[in-house]
């Protein structure tokens, strides 16, 4: 039904494809797969990895470290890492819920996963033994949703890679949004914007107009 109502910003809700970042849920076991870029995607002559990494600070929001006033005020920056994962639809114990009559025999969500160096080191140790490029993993949350104490257990296979058509469908769903991973880590603020967040003095533009009368004069001369 089409109406003649004019909508304002607050009247429309846009839901992004990645509706949320991945978080564990206490008492549940999830099955995840880290998604590597396609093998033909290169960076510096070698295949791209799945991760984006930035050093960040937090003050009301995450923002990228500029190696200056932010460190003086907030202390050393911290590493923040992101990747894309598929979260299969499962029961609470991690058993796959089969999708009948669909293009893929399983349902899934594509999510951004953002974490710090501690979880990265856990994943790196698991990858050294099991190659997470070719294996899914079970993720269990023993802590709370706010303080994620996660444990990782490898699966014997990568479900989405069992058939080429499954893999191609996952690539089709994930690759266009890989560029969002940098923005998931924080905001790339200017030095002036960082100073403003930290409550520091912000330099004023040299040619700033001081009052309404000056502005009127300038406009009259244009």
Protein backbone atom coordinates (compact mmCIF):
# COMPACT_ATOMS: atom_id res chain seq x y z
CA UNK A 1 0.00 0.00 0.00
CA UNK A 2 1.45 3.37 -1.04
CA UNK A 3 0.71 6.44 1.06
CA UNK A 4 1.49 10.11 0.58
CA UNK A 5 3.15 10.48 3.98
CA UNK A 6 6.56 12.13 3.95
CA UNK A 7 9.04 10.31 6.17
CA UNK A 8 11.76 11.83 8.30
CA UNK A 9 15.05 10.19 9.33
CA UNK A 10 13.56 8.75 12.52
CA UNK A 11 10.73 7.10 10.60
CA UNK A 12 12.94 4.71 8.64
CA UNK A 13 15.05 1.90 10.06
CA UNK A 14 17.72 0.44 7.80
CA UNK A 15 18.91 -2.99 8.87
CA UNK A 16 22.43 -3.80 7.63
CA UNK A 17 23.22 -7.25 6.27
CA UNK A 18 25.56 -7.79 9.20
CA UNK A 19 22.96 -7.12 11.87
CA UNK A 20 25.36 -7.64 14.77
CA UNK A 21 28.85 -8.67 15.73
CA UNK A 22 29.35 -12.21 16.93
CA UNK A 23 29.11 -12.81 20.68
CA UNK A 24 29.01 -16.04 22.61
CA UNK A 25 25.99 -16.88 24.70
CA UNK A 26 26.55 -18.50 28.12
CA UNK A 27 25.35 -22.10 28.15
CA UNK A 28 25.33 -22.45 24.35
CA UNK A 29 27.81 -23.98 21.92
CA UNK A 30 28.02 -22.38 18.47
CA UNK A 31 29.55 -23.68 15.29
CA UNK A 32 31.58 -21.05 13.44
CA UNK A 33 33.82 -20.86 10.41
CA UNK A 34 36.35 -18.08 9.82
CA UNK A 35 36.06 -16.99 6.19
CA UNK A 36 39.31 -16.49 4.29
CA UNK A 37 39.21 -14.34 1.13
CA UNK A 38 39.22 -16.15 -2.20
CA UNK A 39 42.70 -17.60 -2.94
CA UNK A 40 43.16 -15.37 -5.99
CA UNK A 41 42.88 -12.24 -3.80
CA UNK A 42 46.47 -11.06 -3.27
CA UNK A 43 48.25 -8.59 -0.99
CA UNK A 44 51.96 -7.93 -1.49
CA UNK A 45 52.17 -10.91 -3.82
CA UNK A 46 50.65 -13.48 -1.46
CA UNK A 47 47.08 -14.61 -0.68
CA UNK A 48 45.18 -12.31 1.67
CA UNK A 49 44.45 -13.39 5.20
CA UNK A 50 41.06 -13.12 6.92
CA UNK A 51 41.96 -10.48 9.52
CA UNK A 52 42.06 -6.70 9.80
CA UNK A 53 44.03 -5.21 12.71
CA UNK A 54 44.36 -1.72 14.15
CA UNK A 55 45.71 -0.19 17.34
CA UNK A 56 42.88 1.61 19.07
CA UNK A 57 41.86 3.64 22.10
CA UNK A 58 38.48 3.84 23.77
CA UNK A 59 36.85 7.03 25.02
CA UNK A 60 33.09 6.87 24.55
CA UNK A 61 33.87 4.93 21.36
CA UNK A 62 36.74 3.07 19.71
CA UNK A 63 39.03 5.12 17.48
CA UNK A 64 42.35 4.49 15.75
CA UNK A 65 45.54 5.49 17.57
CA UNK A 66 47.44 8.42 16.04
CA UNK A 67 50.61 7.91 18.14
CA UNK A 68 50.35 11.26 19.84
CA UNK A 69 47.98 13.11 22.13
CA UNK A 70 45.69 10.07 22.44
CA UNK A 71 48.48 7.98 23.99
CA UNK A 72 49.54 10.85 26.26
CA UNK A 73 46.00 11.12 27.63
CA UNK A 74 44.83 7.47 27.59
CA UNK A 75 48.02 5.44 27.83
CA UNK A 76 49.25 2.80 25.37
CA UNK A 77 46.89 1.76 22.58
CA UNK A 78 45.56 -1.79 22.32
CA UNK A 79 45.27 -4.10 19.34
CA UNK A 80 41.80 -4.87 18.02
CA UNK A 81 41.24 -7.51 15.35
CA UNK A 82 38.27 -8.35 13.13
CA UNK A 83 37.25 -11.08 10.71
CA UNK A 84 34.15 -12.46 9.02
CA UNK A 85 32.58 -15.65 10.31
CA UNK A 86 29.61 -17.75 9.38
CA UNK A 87 27.53 -18.89 12.33
CA UNK A 88 25.60 -22.01 11.42
CA UNK A 89 22.07 -22.45 12.69
CA UNK A 90 22.35 -25.06 15.43
CA UNK A 91 20.65 -26.33 18.52
CA UNK A 92 22.03 -25.06 21.83
CA UNK A 93 24.47 -27.97 21.95
CA UNK A 94 25.98 -27.04 18.58
CA UNK A 95 24.26 -29.74 16.50
CA UNK A 96 23.41 -28.49 13.00
CA UNK A 97 19.77 -27.81 12.18
CA UNK A 98 19.34 -29.13 8.64
CA UNK A 99 17.60 -26.96 6.05
CA UNK A 100 15.29 -29.07 3.91
CA UNK A 101 14.66 -28.20 0.27
CA UNK A 102 17.02 -25.22 0.26
CA UNK A 103 20.00 -24.40 -1.96
CA UNK A 104 22.27 -25.14 0.99
CA UNK A 105 21.42 -27.95 3.45
CA UNK A 106 22.22 -25.64 6.38
CA UNK A 107 21.19 -22.14 7.44
CA UNK A 108 23.71 -19.52 8.56
CA UNK A 109 24.36 -15.91 9.46
CA UNK A 110 27.33 -13.83 8.30
CA UNK A 111 28.73 -11.82 11.21
CA UNK A 112 31.65 -9.57 11.97
CA UNK A 113 33.76 -10.86 14.86
CA UNK A 114 35.86 -8.33 16.76
CA UNK A 115 38.27 -9.35 19.52
CA UNK A 116 41.52 -8.47 21.27
CA UNK A 117 44.94 -10.11 21.26
CA UNK A 118 44.10 -12.74 23.93
CA UNK A 119 41.44 -14.42 21.78
CA UNK A 120 43.62 -14.03 18.69
CA UNK A 121 46.42 -15.95 20.38
CA UNK A 122 43.97 -18.72 21.33
CA UNK A 123 42.82 -18.96 17.73
CA UNK A 124 46.40 -18.88 16.45
CA UNK A 125 47.33 -21.84 18.67
CA UNK A 126 44.30 -23.80 17.46
CA UNK A 127 45.08 -22.93 13.83
CA UNK A 128 48.64 -24.25 14.21
CA UNK A 129 47.21 -27.71 15.00
CA UNK A 130 44.02 -27.81 12.96
CA UNK A 131 44.25 -25.24 10.12
CA UNK A 132 41.10 -23.17 10.59
CA UNK A 133 41.06 -22.49 6.86
CA UNK A 134 39.80 -26.06 6.45
CA UNK A 135 37.98 -26.72 9.73
CA UNK A 136 34.97 -25.21 11.46
CA UNK A 137 35.13 -24.81 15.23
CA UNK A 138 32.79 -25.02 18.18
CA UNK A 139 32.74 -21.95 20.40
CA UNK A 140 31.51 -22.18 23.99
CA UNK A 141 31.01 -19.21 26.32
CA UNK A 142 31.80 -19.85 29.97
CA UNK A 143 31.65 -16.22 31.07
CA UNK A 144 28.95 -13.63 30.44
CA UNK A 145 27.80 -11.89 27.28
CA UNK A 146 29.67 -8.77 28.43
CA UNK A 147 32.89 -10.53 29.48
CA UNK A 148 33.40 -13.17 26.83
CA UNK A 149 35.35 -16.14 28.22
CA UNK A 150 35.36 -18.33 25.11
CA UNK A 151 36.77 -21.79 24.49
CA UNK A 152 37.43 -23.17 21.00
CA UNK A 153 37.21 -26.79 19.84
CA UNK A 154 37.98 -27.82 16.23
CA UNK A 155 35.44 -29.70 14.09
CA UNK A 156 36.54 -32.58 11.87
CA UNK A 157 35.50 -30.72 8.70
CA UNK A 158 34.50 -27.39 7.24
CA UNK A 159 30.80 -27.81 6.55
CA UNK A 160 30.53 -25.07 3.94
CA UNK A 161 33.48 -26.54 2.01
CA UNK A 162 32.05 -30.06 1.64
CA UNK A 163 30.90 -29.21 -1.90
CA UNK A 164 32.18 -26.52 -4.33
CA UNK A 165 28.68 -25.06 -4.75
CA UNK A 166 28.36 -24.53 -0.98
CA UNK A 167 31.70 -22.74 -0.90
CA UNK A 168 30.84 -20.53 -3.86
CA UNK A 169 27.58 -19.47 -2.22
CA UNK A 170 29.40 -18.50 0.99
CA UNK A 171 31.94 -16.45 -0.99
CA UNK A 172 29.12 -14.72 -2.84
CA UNK A 173 27.50 -13.77 0.46
CA UNK A 174 30.63 -12.59 2.26
CA UNK A 175 33.16 -11.08 -0.14
CA UNK A 176 31.33 -7.81 -0.98
CA UNK A 177 31.27 -6.78 2.67
CA UNK A 178 34.86 -7.62 3.62
CA UNK A 179 35.76 -3.92 3.37
CA UNK A 180 33.51 -3.25 6.38
CA UNK A 181 35.96 -5.02 8.69
CA UNK A 182 38.18 -1.97 9.14
CA UNK A 183 35.22 0.18 10.17
CA UNK A 184 34.19 -2.51 12.65
CA UNK A 185 37.41 -1.85 14.61
CA UNK A 186 36.85 1.83 15.27
CA UNK A 187 36.66 5.27 13.73
CA UNK A 188 39.50 6.98 11.88
CA UNK A 189 39.32 10.38 13.58
CA UNK A 190 41.42 13.45 12.91
CA UNK A 191 43.72 14.84 15.60
CA UNK A 192 41.27 17.69 16.14
CA UNK A 193 38.37 15.24 16.61
CA UNK A 194 40.41 13.20 19.09
CA UNK A 195 41.24 16.34 21.08
CA UNK A 196 37.56 17.21 21.22
CA UNK A 197 36.66 13.75 22.55
CA UNK A 198 39.39 14.01 25.18
CA UNK A 199 38.27 17.48 26.27
CA UNK A 200 41.46 19.15 25.08
CA UNK A 201 41.75 22.59 23.51
CA UNK A 202 40.95 22.55 19.82
CA UNK A 203 42.68 25.14 17.62
CA UNK A 204 40.35 27.54 15.83
CA UNK A 205 40.54 28.16 12.07
CA UNK A 206 42.53 31.31 11.30
CA UNK A 207 39.87 32.73 8.97
CA UNK A 208 36.91 31.96 11.24
CA UNK A 209 34.07 34.49 11.02
CA UNK A 210 33.62 36.08 14.43
CA UNK A 211 30.06 37.33 14.24
CA UNK A 212 26.86 37.73 12.27
CA UNK A 213 27.74 41.21 11.04
CA UNK A 214 31.00 39.96 9.49
CA UNK A 215 29.15 37.13 7.80
CA UNK A 216 26.56 39.52 6.35
CA UNK A 217 29.34 41.73 4.99
CA UNK A 218 31.08 38.80 3.29
CA UNK A 219 27.84 37.58 1.72
CA UNK A 220 27.07 41.09 0.40
CA UNK A 221 30.44 41.18 -1.33
CA UNK A 222 29.97 37.85 -3.08
